[in-house]
C-alpha atoms as a PDB file:
ATOM      1  CA  UNK A   1      83.334 110.728 102.383  1.00  0.00           C
ATOM      2  CA  UNK A   2      82.254 108.938 106.125  1.00  0.00           C
ATOM      3  CA  UNK A   3      80.587 105.951 105.872  1.00  0.00           C
ATOM      4  CA  UNK A   4      78.536 104.861 108.964  1.00  0.00           C
ATOM      5  CA  UNK A   5      80.739 102.589 111.264  1.00  0.00           C
ATOM      6  CA  UNK A   6      78.276  98.943 112.064  1.00  0.00           C
ATOM      7  CA  UNK A   7      79.924  95.759 112.602  1.00  0.00           C
ATOM      8  CA  UNK A   8      79.272  94.906 109.113  1.00  0.00           C
ATOM      9  CA  UNK A   9      81.404  98.036 107.664  1.00  0.00           C
ATOM     10  CA  UNK A  10      83.946  98.906 110.900  1.00  0.00           C
ATOM     11  CA  UNK A  11      87.253 100.281 109.120  1.00  0.00           C
ATOM     12  CA  UNK A  12      90.451 100.013 110.621  1.00  0.00           C
ATOM     13  CA  UNK A  13      93.282 102.404 108.829  1.00  0.00           C
ATOM     14  CA  UNK A  14      96.988 101.887 111.015  1.00  0.00           C
ATOM     15  CA  UNK A  15     100.167 103.297 109.961  1.00  0.00           C
ATOM     16  CA  UNK A  16     103.103 100.827 110.814  1.00  0.00           C
ATOM     17  CA  UNK A  17     107.267 101.231 109.236  1.00  0.00           C
ATOM     18  CA  UNK A  18     108.668  98.192 109.043  1.00  0.00           C
ATOM     19  CA  UNK A  19     112.678  97.895 109.405  1.00  0.00           C
ATOM     20  CA  UNK A  20     114.414  95.878 105.836  1.00  0.00           C
ATOM     21  CA  UNK A  21     117.658  94.872 106.613  1.00  0.00           C
ATOM     22  CA  UNK A  22     119.918  93.922 103.288  1.00  0.00           C
ATOM     23  CA  UNK A  23     123.580  91.516 104.458  1.00  0.00           C
ATOM     24  CA  UNK A  24     126.429  91.881 101.922  1.00  0.00           C
ATOM     25  CA  UNK A  25     127.692  89.201 101.354  1.00  0.00           C
ATOM     26  CA  UNK A  26     131.014  90.367  99.334  1.00  0.00           C
ATOM     27  CA  UNK A  27     131.187  93.270 102.583  1.00  0.00           C
ATOM     28  CA  UNK A  28     129.541  91.771 105.706  1.00  0.00           C
ATOM     29  CA  UNK A  29     128.014  95.243 105.945  1.00  0.00           C
ATOM     30  CA  UNK A  30     124.462  95.834 107.266  1.00  0.00           C
ATOM     31  CA  UNK A  31     122.280  98.040 105.262  1.00  0.00           C
ATOM     32  CA  UNK A  32     118.948  99.417 106.832  1.00  0.00           C
ATOM     33  CA  UNK A  33     115.985 100.977 105.828  1.00  0.00           C
ATOM     34  CA  UNK A  34     112.025 102.485 107.504  1.00  0.00           C
ATOM     35  CA  UNK A  35     109.796 102.013 105.349  1.00  0.00           C
ATOM     36  CA  UNK A  36     106.648 103.608 106.710  1.00  0.00           C
ATOM     37  CA  UNK A  37     103.304 100.950 105.327  1.00  0.00           C
ATOM     38  CA  UNK A  38      99.495 102.207 105.682  1.00  0.00           C
ATOM     39  CA  UNK A  39      96.767  99.263 105.815  1.00  0.00           C
ATOM     40  CA  UNK A  40      93.162 100.223 105.330  1.00  0.00           C
ATOM     41  CA  UNK A  41      90.778  97.164 106.536  1.00  0.00           C
ATOM     42  CA  UNK A  42      87.266  96.618 105.393  1.00  0.00           C
ATOM     43  CA  UNK A  43      84.925  93.560 105.787  1.00  0.00           C
ATOM     44  CA  UNK A  44      85.689  92.974 101.976  1.00  0.00           C
ATOM     45  CA  UNK A  45      88.984  94.305 101.086  1.00  0.00           C
ATOM     46  CA  UNK A  46      93.263  94.734 103.044  1.00  0.00           C
ATOM     47  CA  UNK A  47      94.815  97.625 101.627  1.00  0.00           C
ATOM     48  CA  UNK A  48      98.830  97.984 102.226  1.00  0.00           C
ATOM     49  CA  UNK A  49     100.379 101.219 100.764  1.00  0.00           C
ATOM     50  CA  UNK A  50     104.245 102.514 101.150  1.00  0.00           C
ATOM     51  CA  UNK A  51     106.333 103.832  98.294  1.00  0.00           C
ATOM     52  CA  UNK A  52     108.782 102.384  96.082  1.00  0.00           C
ATOM     53  CA  UNK A  53     112.516 102.974  95.576  1.00  0.00           C
ATOM     54  CA  UNK A  54     111.376 105.752  92.882  1.00  0.00           C
ATOM     55  CA  UNK A  55     109.794 107.099  95.626  1.00  0.00           C
ATOM     56  CA  UNK A  56     105.538 106.932  94.155  1.00  0.00           C
ATOM     57  CA  UNK A  57     103.016 105.814  96.333  1.00  0.00           C
ATOM     58  CA  UNK A  58     102.844 101.560  94.953  1.00  0.00           C
ATOM     59  CA  UNK A  59      99.390  99.591  96.169  1.00  0.00           C
ATOM     60  CA  UNK A  60      97.801  96.056  96.809  1.00  0.00           C
ATOM     61  CA  UNK A  61      94.490  95.120  97.388  1.00  0.00           C
ATOM     62  CA  UNK A  62      93.277  92.061  98.879  1.00  0.00           C
ATOM     63  CA  UNK A  63      90.071  90.829  98.525  1.00  0.00           C
ATOM     64  CA  UNK A  64      88.071  89.318 100.836  1.00  0.00           C
ATOM     65  CA  UNK A  65      85.954  86.356  99.660  1.00  0.00           C
ATOM     66  CA  UNK A  66      83.160  88.325 100.525  1.00  0.00           C
ATOM     67  CA  UNK A  67      84.818  91.761  98.111  1.00  0.00           C
ATOM     68  CA  UNK A  68      84.737  89.138  95.178  1.00  0.00           C
ATOM     69  CA  UNK A  69      81.216  88.848  95.290  1.00  0.00           C
ATOM     70  CA  UNK A  70      80.378  92.226  95.404  1.00  0.00           C
ATOM     71  CA  UNK A  71      82.646  93.569  92.893  1.00  0.00           C
ATOM     72  CA  UNK A  72      81.484  90.224  91.058  1.00  0.00           C
ATOM     73  CA  UNK A  73      77.999  92.132  90.674  1.00  0.00           C
ATOM     74  CA  UNK A  74      78.501  96.251  90.945  1.00  0.00           C
ATOM     75  CA  UNK A  75      80.503  94.786  87.211  1.00  0.00           C
ATOM     76  CA  UNK A  76      77.186  92.619  86.230  1.00  0.00           C
ATOM     77  CA  UNK A  77      79.266  89.374  86.884  1.00  0.00           C
ATOM     78  CA  UNK A  78      76.854  88.409  90.202  1.00  0.00           C
ATOM     79  CA  UNK A  79      73.913  86.407  90.149  1.00  0.00           C
ATOM     80  CA  UNK A  80      71.329  87.196  88.499  1.00  0.00           C
ATOM     81  CA  UNK A  81      68.634  87.369  91.265  1.00  0.00           C
ATOM     82  CA  UNK A  82      67.116  89.691  93.679  1.00  0.00           C
ATOM     83  CA  UNK A  83      69.198  88.905  97.196  1.00  0.00           C
ATOM     84  CA  UNK A  84      66.968  91.456  98.806  1.00  0.00           C
ATOM     85  CA  UNK A  85      63.656  90.999  97.237  1.00  0.00           C
ATOM     86  CA  UNK A  86      60.851  93.192  95.868  1.00  0.00           C
ATOM     87  CA  UNK A  87      63.733  95.155  93.765  1.00  0.00           C
ATOM     88  CA  UNK A  88      62.503  93.044  90.494  1.00  0.00           C
ATOM     89  CA  UNK A  89      61.165  94.065  87.697  1.00  0.00           C
ATOM     90  CA  UNK A  90      57.421  93.531  87.397  1.00  0.00           C
END
């Protein structure tokens, strides 16, 4: 699917790696793990993707206030009026 790239729909996709370090208090040994993280950002949400402990994909999505309003609209819980004008039933 290709979305038009405008100011409103400008997309950001990036792959990054983060390092997690844990020190065992008893032994003093440090364990490190590289964690690849993908993120996808629009004006409506930010989605972070990575792997969980068993290697399967895990994702979390953060909605912007605008994104929350759009979800309400498409699920029928938004405002009950025509934002564009001219699309109402006559």
